[in-house]
């Protein structure tokens, strides 16, 4: 077959251009992946993994350097919006290298922001925050190298311990203050170790309160099954002088507003201090089922749970918790064994909005959390009603509040405050004639 020389030259040029583009595209994507990774490294994020998926760049990272999930996410989004090339970004937020939420920022939205057509508040409102995209995003990251690993790094966290207990309205029976330093580290994916000791500082009662004693001595493993199921299993020494094993599993809706959780454990009494340390057999079985709903407009979490407490009594409890950014305030009421108990809890941020990571880091926890119980009378204590325990400090639970509506709302609030400050600066600046 006769081929026109001009046609042959054209085909050769087209083939050469196609080969050139095929070789150039991976190089370009690799460079862009590197830019994203470097931007996250500058923010001191950890467990970073980046990969290109078509025209989308997927990045997973952990935010343990920063206090507050929404604050860390806002910094990451701000850094990516400053990159010269716009792409669709999928950002997977991790906790102990396990995915919690996925944020999708379309390239068109980033372009409109850079052109001044959208404010940062609008970017936060229009981007997608969901757990339903996590599976595909994590699949795209398979085989990619983890950078800035958090595994094996040690945190020495000094927890302040405050105890106030009374059984009648007119008298404060017991009060104490401890310092409770803990060595904490990530071991492998989803696994963490906590070794804590309690040092008494001041109290109005002797006995165990005057003893140097262990706090949480736990090995904990979290796991995730697809986008809806999360759980944990932990063993060791817990609060309320309990020692044993405990676990739980929960189902969470795609928007994370609804949840149903089940928890339970098999424990004994621990007496790991003084001249005669020891523990009782692990024969106390407890368990409970909890249902909860987050109300976005009120930034309020409602939880109702019921079940069996440590010493065999059965009861129900309702809790109402309101979120004000990093401040948390709530009340609860409980009925068990024919008696009532009620109280309040709160959590406030402690100094240190950013704690740079080193092989060994000394720090306060991100928040101070406390719960006060007003028990109905001496009979409540005598019958050991409503006795329960926690397997980790409350502040650790607060740090894992991955509610999309909560994160979006406070991202937008932070951006509004920033815009208002900028406007005040512009109004206050002198006019040059």
Protein backbone atom coordinates (compact mmCIF):
# COMPACT_ATOMS: atom_id res chain seq x y z
CA UNK A 1 0.00 0.00 0.00
CA UNK A 2 1.36 3.41 -1.01
CA UNK A 3 1.82 5.89 1.92
CA UNK A 4 2.18 9.58 1.19
CA UNK A 5 5.54 10.82 2.60
CA UNK A 6 3.82 13.82 4.23
CA UNK A 7 1.28 11.53 5.93
CA UNK A 8 4.08 9.29 7.16
CA UNK A 9 5.89 12.28 8.67
CA UNK A 10 2.70 13.46 10.39
CA UNK A 11 2.07 10.01 11.87
CA UNK A 12 5.63 9.82 13.12
CA UNK A 13 5.27 13.23 14.78
CA UNK A 14 1.95 12.20 16.42
CA UNK A 15 3.50 8.95 17.66
CA UNK A 16 6.50 10.82 19.05
CA UNK A 17 4.27 13.33 20.85
CA UNK A 18 2.14 10.51 22.29
CA UNK A 19 5.21 8.72 23.62
CA UNK A 20 6.54 11.99 25.03
CA UNK A 21 3.27 12.69 26.85
CA UNK A 22 3.12 9.15 28.20
CA UNK A 23 6.59 9.56 29.67
CA UNK A 24 5.98 13.09 30.89
CA UNK A 25 2.64 12.48 32.67
CA UNK A 26 3.90 10.07 35.36
CA UNK A 27 6.85 12.38 36.01
CA UNK A 28 4.48 15.33 36.46
CA UNK A 29 2.18 13.40 38.77
CA UNK A 30 5.14 12.17 40.78
CA UNK A 31 6.34 15.76 41.19
CA UNK A 32 2.87 16.86 42.30
CA UNK A 33 2.67 14.00 44.78
CA UNK A 34 6.02 15.17 46.15
CA UNK A 35 4.71 18.72 46.54
CA UNK A 36 1.74 17.49 48.55
CA UNK A 37 3.95 15.28 50.73
CA UNK A 38 6.36 18.15 51.38
CA UNK A 39 3.51 20.51 52.28
CA UNK A 40 2.24 18.00 54.87
CA UNK A 41 5.77 17.43 56.20
CA UNK A 42 6.21 21.17 56.75
CA UNK A 43 3.10 21.03 58.93
CA UNK A 44 4.69 18.12 60.87
CA UNK A 45 1.94 15.67 59.97
CA UNK A 46 2.71 11.97 60.51
CA UNK A 47 2.08 8.62 58.83
CA UNK A 48 1.91 10.46 55.51
CA UNK A 49 1.08 8.58 52.33
CA UNK A 50 0.39 10.21 48.94
CA UNK A 51 -0.68 8.72 45.61
CA UNK A 52 -2.18 9.90 42.30
CA UNK A 53 -5.47 8.35 41.19
CA UNK A 54 -6.32 9.67 37.74
CA UNK A 55 -6.58 13.45 38.09
CA UNK A 56 -7.01 13.15 41.88
CA UNK A 57 -4.23 13.26 44.46
CA UNK A 58 -4.99 11.15 47.53
CA UNK A 59 -3.17 11.90 50.79
CA UNK A 60 -3.51 10.24 54.18
CA UNK A 61 -1.96 11.72 57.32
CA UNK A 62 -2.17 11.89 61.10
CA UNK A 63 -2.48 15.12 63.09
CA UNK A 64 -1.08 14.27 66.54
CA UNK A 65 1.10 17.41 66.61
CA UNK A 66 -1.98 19.67 66.74
CA UNK A 67 -4.66 20.02 69.38
CA UNK A 68 -8.05 19.79 67.68
CA UNK A 69 -8.98 17.81 64.57
CA UNK A 70 -10.59 20.69 62.72
CA UNK A 71 -7.63 23.00 63.40
CA UNK A 72 -5.16 20.51 61.90
CA UNK A 73 -7.40 19.85 58.88
CA UNK A 74 -7.75 23.59 58.25
CA UNK A 75 -3.98 23.99 58.18
CA UNK A 76 -3.61 21.11 55.72
CA UNK A 77 -6.30 22.48 53.38
CA UNK A 78 -4.77 25.96 53.54
CA UNK A 79 -1.34 24.57 52.58
CA UNK A 80 -2.75 22.61 49.61
CA UNK A 81 -4.70 25.61 48.34
CA UNK A 82 -1.37 27.47 48.08
CA UNK A 83 0.13 24.93 45.66
CA UNK A 84 0.53 26.32 42.12
CA UNK A 85 -1.35 23.51 40.34
CA UNK A 86 -4.95 22.73 41.20
CA UNK A 87 -6.08 19.14 41.53
CA UNK A 88 -8.91 17.32 43.17
CA UNK A 89 -7.62 16.34 46.61
CA UNK A 90 -8.84 13.51 48.78
CA UNK A 91 -7.51 13.86 52.32
CA UNK A 92 -7.87 10.87 54.64
CA UNK A 93 -7.58 11.75 58.33
CA UNK A 94 -5.92 8.98 60.34
CA UNK A 95 -5.81 8.00 63.97
CA UNK A 96 -3.08 5.50 64.85
CA UNK A 97 -2.79 4.87 61.08
CA UNK A 98 -6.48 3.89 60.80
CA UNK A 99 -8.76 5.99 58.51
CA UNK A 100 -11.44 8.06 60.24
CA UNK A 101 -12.80 10.50 57.63
CA UNK A 102 -12.20 11.49 54.02
CA UNK A 103 -12.33 15.10 52.80
CA UNK A 104 -12.76 15.70 49.06
CA UNK A 105 -11.75 19.11 47.69
CA UNK A 106 -12.62 19.41 43.96
CA UNK A 107 -10.14 21.13 41.65
CA UNK A 108 -12.87 23.49 40.40
CA UNK A 109 -13.51 24.69 43.95
CA UNK A 110 -9.79 25.30 44.52
CA UNK A 111 -9.57 27.27 41.24
CA UNK A 112 -12.54 29.44 42.22
CA UNK A 113 -10.91 30.15 45.61
CA UNK A 114 -7.60 31.14 43.99
CA UNK A 115 -9.45 33.41 41.56
CA UNK A 116 -11.19 35.15 44.45
CA UNK A 117 -14.62 33.84 43.43
CA UNK A 118 -15.04 31.79 46.62
CA UNK A 119 -14.17 32.58 50.21
CA UNK A 120 -12.54 30.06 52.51
CA UNK A 121 -15.85 29.75 54.35
CA UNK A 122 -17.52 28.71 51.09
CA UNK A 123 -14.75 26.22 50.37
CA UNK A 124 -15.33 24.56 53.74
CA UNK A 125 -19.10 24.55 53.22
CA UNK A 126 -18.96 23.04 49.72
CA UNK A 127 -16.20 20.43 50.15
CA UNK A 128 -17.26 16.88 50.93
CA UNK A 129 -16.56 15.30 54.34
CA UNK A 130 -17.65 11.69 54.61
CA UNK A 131 -16.66 8.21 55.67
CA UNK A 132 -18.09 6.69 52.48
CA UNK A 133 -15.04 7.70 50.39
CA UNK A 134 -12.47 6.18 52.74
CA UNK A 135 -12.42 2.72 51.17
CA UNK A 136 -11.61 3.88 47.64
CA UNK A 137 -9.08 6.42 48.91
CA UNK A 138 -7.22 3.88 51.04
CA UNK A 139 -7.27 1.41 48.13
CA UNK A 140 -5.50 4.02 45.98
CA UNK A 141 -2.81 4.32 48.67
CA UNK A 142 -1.99 0.61 48.77
CA UNK A 143 1.68 -0.05 48.28
CA UNK A 144 2.71 3.57 48.85
CA UNK A 145 5.51 4.31 51.27
CA UNK A 146 4.64 5.74 54.69
CA UNK A 147 6.66 8.84 55.58
CA UNK A 148 7.20 10.49 58.97
CA UNK A 149 6.05 7.38 60.80
CA UNK A 150 4.64 7.85 64.30
CA UNK A 151 5.31 4.23 65.31
CA UNK A 152 7.84 3.84 68.11
CA UNK A 153 7.90 7.53 69.07
CA UNK A 154 7.26 8.08 72.77
CA UNK A 155 5.07 10.67 74.45
CA UNK A 156 5.45 11.38 78.16
CA UNK A 157 2.03 12.86 78.88
CA UNK A 158 1.45 14.44 82.31
CA UNK A 159 -2.26 14.12 83.14
CA UNK A 160 -3.68 16.23 85.99
CA UNK A 161 -5.97 14.09 88.16
CA UNK A 162 -8.76 15.76 90.13
CA UNK A 163 -11.19 13.78 92.31
CA UNK A 164 -14.27 15.18 94.06
CA UNK A 165 -16.76 12.75 95.59
CA UNK A 166 -19.78 13.31 97.84
CA UNK A 167 -22.91 11.36 98.69
CA UNK A 168 -25.02 14.13 100.21
CA UNK A 169 -25.63 17.66 99.02
CA UNK A 170 -24.25 19.45 102.08
CA UNK A 171 -20.82 17.81 102.51
CA UNK A 172 -17.80 17.16 100.31
CA UNK A 173 -16.62 13.74 101.47
CA UNK A 174 -13.43 13.21 99.51
CA UNK A 175 -11.18 15.41 97.42
CA UNK A 176 -7.75 14.91 95.92
CA UNK A 177 -5.28 16.04 93.30
CA UNK A 178 -2.74 13.76 91.58
CA UNK A 179 -0.18 14.05 88.84
CA UNK A 180 -0.50 11.09 86.52
CA UNK A 181 2.36 10.90 83.99
CA UNK A 182 2.00 8.25 81.28
CA UNK A 183 4.29 6.82 78.65
CA UNK A 184 2.28 6.46 75.43
CA UNK A 185 3.36 5.10 72.06
CA UNK A 186 1.96 3.67 68.84
CA UNK A 187 3.19 0.12 68.30
CA UNK A 188 1.73 -0.86 64.95
CA UNK A 189 -1.37 -0.10 62.92
CA UNK A 190 -4.22 0.48 65.37
CA UNK A 191 -2.20 -0.59 68.44
CA UNK A 192 -1.13 1.63 71.33
CA UNK A 193 0.56 1.16 74.69
CA UNK A 194 -0.07 3.30 77.77
CA UNK A 195 1.88 2.98 81.06
CA UNK A 196 0.74 5.41 83.73
CA UNK A 197 1.65 6.08 87.38
CA UNK A 198 -0.32 8.24 89.83
CA UNK A 199 1.62 10.46 92.27
CA UNK A 200 -0.53 11.92 95.09
CA UNK A 201 -0.07 15.66 95.67
CA UNK A 202 -2.84 16.61 98.12
CA UNK A 203 -6.03 14.93 99.44
CA UNK A 204 -8.28 14.80 102.49
CA UNK A 205 -8.30 11.02 102.88
CA UNK A 206 -5.59 8.42 103.46
CA UNK A 207 -5.38 4.86 102.24
CA UNK A 208 -4.82 4.36 98.52
CA UNK A 209 -5.04 8.10 97.92
CA UNK A 210 -1.72 8.55 99.74
CA UNK A 211 0.01 5.78 97.76
CA UNK A 212 2.01 5.91 94.55
CA UNK A 213 -0.10 3.57 92.44
CA UNK A 214 -0.56 2.53 88.82
CA UNK A 215 -3.05 4.27 86.59
CA UNK A 216 -3.85 2.97 83.10
CA UNK A 217 -1.52 0.11 82.15
CA UNK A 218 -3.02 -0.97 78.87
CA UNK A 219 -2.34 -2.51 75.50
CA UNK A 220 -5.09 -1.45 73.11
CA UNK A 221 -5.95 -2.51 69.56
CA UNK A 222 -8.41 -0.55 67.42
CA UNK A 223 -9.86 -1.97 64.22
CA UNK A 224 -12.12 -0.80 61.41
CA UNK A 225 -14.40 -2.95 59.26
CA UNK A 226 -15.44 -1.00 56.11
CA UNK A 227 -16.87 2.50 56.55
CA UNK A 228 -19.50 1.69 59.18
CA UNK A 229 -17.95 -0.57 61.82
CA UNK A 230 -15.27 0.34 64.36
CA UNK A 231 -14.14 -1.50 67.46
CA UNK A 232 -11.42 -2.08 70.02
CA UNK A 233 -10.08 -4.64 72.44
CA UNK A 234 -7.85 -3.75 75.38
CA UNK A 235 -6.28 -5.46 78.34
CA UNK A 236 -4.58 -4.28 81.50
CA UNK A 237 -5.24 -2.05 84.50
CA UNK A 238 -8.14 0.37 84.13
CA UNK A 239 -9.76 3.09 86.25
CA UNK A 240 -11.83 2.31 89.38
CA UNK A 241 -9.16 -0.24 90.42
CA UNK A 242 -10.28 -2.75 87.77
CA UNK A 243 -7.97 -5.09 85.89
CA UNK A 244 -8.88 -7.43 83.05
CA UNK A 245 -9.95 -7.33 79.41
CA UNK A 246 -12.57 -5.20 77.70
CA UNK A 247 -13.77 -4.55 74.19
CA UNK A 248 -16.41 -2.90 72.10
CA UNK A 249 -17.80 -2.52 68.62
CA UNK A 250 -20.00 0.14 67.08
CA UNK A 251 -22.02 0.81 63.92
CA UNK A 252 -21.90 4.39 62.57
CA UNK A 253 -24.00 5.92 59.83
CA UNK A 254 -22.27 7.36 56.75
CA UNK A 255 -22.77 10.92 57.99
CA UNK A 256 -21.66 9.81 61.48
CA UNK A 257 -24.79 11.29 63.07
CA UNK A 258 -26.28 7.97 64.20
CA UNK A 259 -24.39 5.33 66.14
CA UNK A 260 -25.08 2.10 68.03
CA UNK A 261 -22.31 0.77 70.26
CA UNK A 262 -21.83 -2.27 72.48
CA UNK A 263 -19.09 -2.54 75.12
CA UNK A 264 -18.23 -4.93 77.89
CA UNK A 265 -15.49 -6.55 79.90
CA UNK A 266 -14.35 -9.23 82.31
CA UNK A 267 -12.46 -7.75 85.25
CA UNK A 268 -11.27 -8.20 88.80
CA UNK A 269 -10.20 -5.84 91.56
CA UNK A 270 -6.62 -4.55 91.35
CA UNK A 271 -4.58 -3.60 94.40
CA UNK A 272 -1.18 -2.85 92.87
CA UNK A 273 0.31 -0.63 95.56
CA UNK A 274 1.39 -0.68 99.19
CA UNK A 275 3.07 -3.53 101.05
CA UNK A 276 0.70 -6.25 99.89
CA UNK A 277 -0.11 -5.74 96.15
CA UNK A 278 -2.41 -8.18 94.38
CA UNK A 279 -5.56 -8.70 92.37
CA UNK A 280 -8.78 -10.66 92.64
CA UNK A 281 -9.92 -13.28 90.07
CA UNK A 282 -11.41 -11.86 86.87
CA UNK A 283 -15.03 -12.85 87.37
CA UNK A 284 -17.03 -9.62 87.17
CA UNK A 285 -18.83 -9.36 83.82
CA UNK A 286 -20.25 -6.04 82.69
CA UNK A 287 -21.74 -4.78 79.43
CA UNK A 288 -23.89 -2.08 77.93
CA UNK A 289 -25.51 -0.98 74.68
CA UNK A 290 -25.53 2.67 73.66
CA UNK A 291 -27.44 4.57 70.98
CA UNK A 292 -26.53 8.12 70.06
CA UNK A 293 -27.39 10.95 67.70
CA UNK A 294 -25.51 14.16 66.87
CA UNK A 295 -27.71 17.24 66.24
CA UNK A 296 -25.76 19.42 63.76
CA UNK A 297 -27.69 22.67 64.29
CA UNK A 298 -27.12 22.52 68.04
CA UNK A 299 -23.66 20.89 67.96
CA UNK A 300 -25.04 18.52 70.57
CA UNK A 301 -24.61 14.79 71.11
CA UNK A 302 -27.41 12.76 72.75
CA UNK A 303 -26.58 9.30 74.12
CA UNK A 304 -28.81 6.74 75.83
CA UNK A 305 -27.32 3.53 77.16
CA UNK A 306 -28.31 0.67 79.42
CA UNK A 307 -26.82 -2.52 80.75
CA UNK A 308 -25.11 -4.34 83.58
CA UNK A 309 -22.59 -2.64 85.87
CA UNK A 310 -19.56 -4.25 87.52
CA UNK A 311 -21.34 -5.63 90.60
CA UNK A 312 -24.42 -6.99 88.84
CA UNK A 313 -26.90 -4.10 89.07
CA UNK A 314 -28.70 -3.04 85.90
CA UNK A 315 -29.42 0.53 84.94
CA UNK A 316 -29.98 3.15 82.25
CA UNK A 317 -28.24 6.44 81.61
CA UNK A 318 -28.92 9.48 79.43
CA UNK A 319 -26.23 12.00 78.49
CA UNK A 320 -26.48 15.38 76.78
CA UNK A 321 -23.19 16.87 75.52
CA UNK A 322 -22.72 20.26 73.88
CA UNK A 323 -19.62 21.09 71.80
CA UNK A 324 -18.19 24.62 71.68
CA UNK A 325 -15.15 24.09 69.48
CA UNK A 326 -12.56 22.49 71.76
CA UNK A 327 -14.71 23.12 74.85
CA UNK A 328 -17.18 20.40 75.81
CA UNK A 329 -19.92 20.60 78.47
CA UNK A 330 -22.51 17.98 79.33
CA UNK A 331 -24.96 16.63 81.90
CA UNK A 332 -26.19 13.14 82.63
CA UNK A 333 -28.76 11.25 84.71
CA UNK A 334 -28.72 7.57 85.67
CA UNK A 335 -31.07 5.12 87.39
CA UNK A 336 -29.86 1.79 88.75
CA UNK A 337 -30.83 -0.51 91.63
CA UNK A 338 -33.77 1.73 92.52
CA UNK A 339 -31.44 4.71 93.08
CA UNK A 340 -30.59 7.77 91.03
CA UNK A 341 -27.31 9.40 90.14
CA UNK A 342 -26.70 12.52 88.14
CA UNK A 343 -23.93 14.95 87.42
CA UNK A 344 -22.05 16.89 84.80
CA UNK A 345 -18.85 16.65 82.79
CA UNK A 346 -16.67 19.08 80.90
CA UNK A 347 -13.51 19.21 78.85
CA UNK A 348 -11.31 22.26 78.31
CA UNK A 349 -8.20 22.69 76.14
CA UNK A 350 -4.85 22.84 77.90
CA UNK A 351 -1.89 25.03 76.82
CA UNK A 352 0.01 23.85 73.78
CA UNK A 353 -1.98 24.15 70.56
CA UNK A 354 0.99 22.64 68.70
CA UNK A 355 3.43 20.14 70.20
CA UNK A 356 6.33 19.42 67.84
CA UNK A 357 7.15 15.74 67.58
CA UNK A 358 10.48 14.28 68.68
CA UNK A 359 11.57 10.69 69.42
CA UNK A 360 10.58 11.48 73.05
CA UNK A 361 8.08 14.29 73.70
CA UNK A 362 7.07 15.75 77.09
CA UNK A 363 3.61 17.31 77.02
CA UNK A 364 0.29 17.93 78.69
CA UNK A 365 -2.74 16.18 77.23
CA UNK A 366 -4.67 18.17 74.66
CA UNK A 367 -7.57 18.65 77.08
CA UNK A 368 -8.45 18.37 80.73
CA UNK A 369 -11.60 16.27 81.17
CA UNK A 370 -13.60 15.81 84.32
CA UNK A 371 -16.89 14.22 85.43
CA UNK A 372 -18.65 15.06 88.69
CA UNK A 373 -21.24 12.67 90.16
CA UNK A 374 -23.87 13.63 92.75
CA UNK A 375 -24.83 10.21 94.09
CA UNK A 376 -28.21 9.83 95.75
CA UNK A 377 -26.93 8.86 99.23
CA UNK A 378 -24.79 6.49 101.33
CA UNK A 379 -26.89 3.52 100.25
CA UNK A 380 -25.65 4.04 96.68
CA UNK A 381 -22.05 3.56 97.81
CA UNK A 382 -22.81 0.77 100.32
CA UNK A 383 -24.47 -1.36 97.62
CA UNK A 384 -21.74 -0.49 95.07
CA UNK A 385 -24.33 0.66 92.52
CA UNK A 386 -23.43 2.05 89.13
CA UNK A 387 -19.77 1.04 89.40
CA UNK A 388 -18.11 1.30 86.03
CA UNK A 389 -14.61 1.90 84.67
CA UNK A 390 -12.90 3.42 81.66
CA UNK A 391 -10.11 1.78 79.71
CA UNK A 392 -8.36 5.05 78.80
CA UNK A 393 -8.41 8.70 79.89
CA UNK A 394 -11.47 10.66 78.81
CA UNK A 395 -9.26 13.14 76.96
CA UNK A 396 -8.24 10.34 74.55
CA UNK A 397 -11.90 9.78 73.66
CA UNK A 398 -12.46 13.51 73.06
CA UNK A 399 -9.50 13.57 70.67
CA UNK A 400 -11.23 10.93 68.54
CA UNK A 401 -14.45 12.86 67.94
CA UNK A 402 -14.54 12.51 64.14
CA UNK A 403 -18.01 13.99 63.52
CA UNK A 404 -18.16 15.58 60.01
CA UNK A 405 -20.79 18.22 60.90
CA UNK A 406 -18.79 19.27 63.96
CA UNK A 407 -15.55 19.54 61.97
CA UNK A 408 -17.16 21.49 59.10
CA UNK A 409 -18.97 23.89 61.45
CA UNK A 410 -15.86 24.87 63.39
CA UNK A 411 -13.73 25.10 60.25
CA UNK A 412 -16.23 27.63 58.94
CA UNK A 413 -16.32 29.47 62.28
CA UNK A 414 -12.52 29.68 62.32
CA UNK A 415 -12.49 31.02 58.75
CA UNK A 416 -15.13 33.65 59.60
CA UNK A 417 -13.10 34.85 62.57
CA UNK A 418 -10.04 35.10 60.34
CA UNK A 419 -11.96 37.11 57.74
CA UNK A 420 -13.28 39.47 60.43
CA UNK A 421 -9.75 40.08 61.73
CA UNK A 422 -8.54 40.85 58.22
CA UNK A 423 -11.38 43.32 57.70
CA UNK A 424 -10.60 45.07 61.00
CA UNK A 425 -6.94 45.37 59.97
CA UNK A 426 -7.92 46.88 56.62
CA UNK A 427 -10.25 49.40 58.30
CA UNK A 428 -7.65 50.31 60.88
CA UNK A 429 -4.77 50.79 58.44
CA UNK A 430 -3.97 54.42 57.48
CA UNK A 431 -4.92 55.68 54.05
CA UNK A 432 -2.00 56.96 51.94
CA UNK A 433 -2.87 60.12 49.98
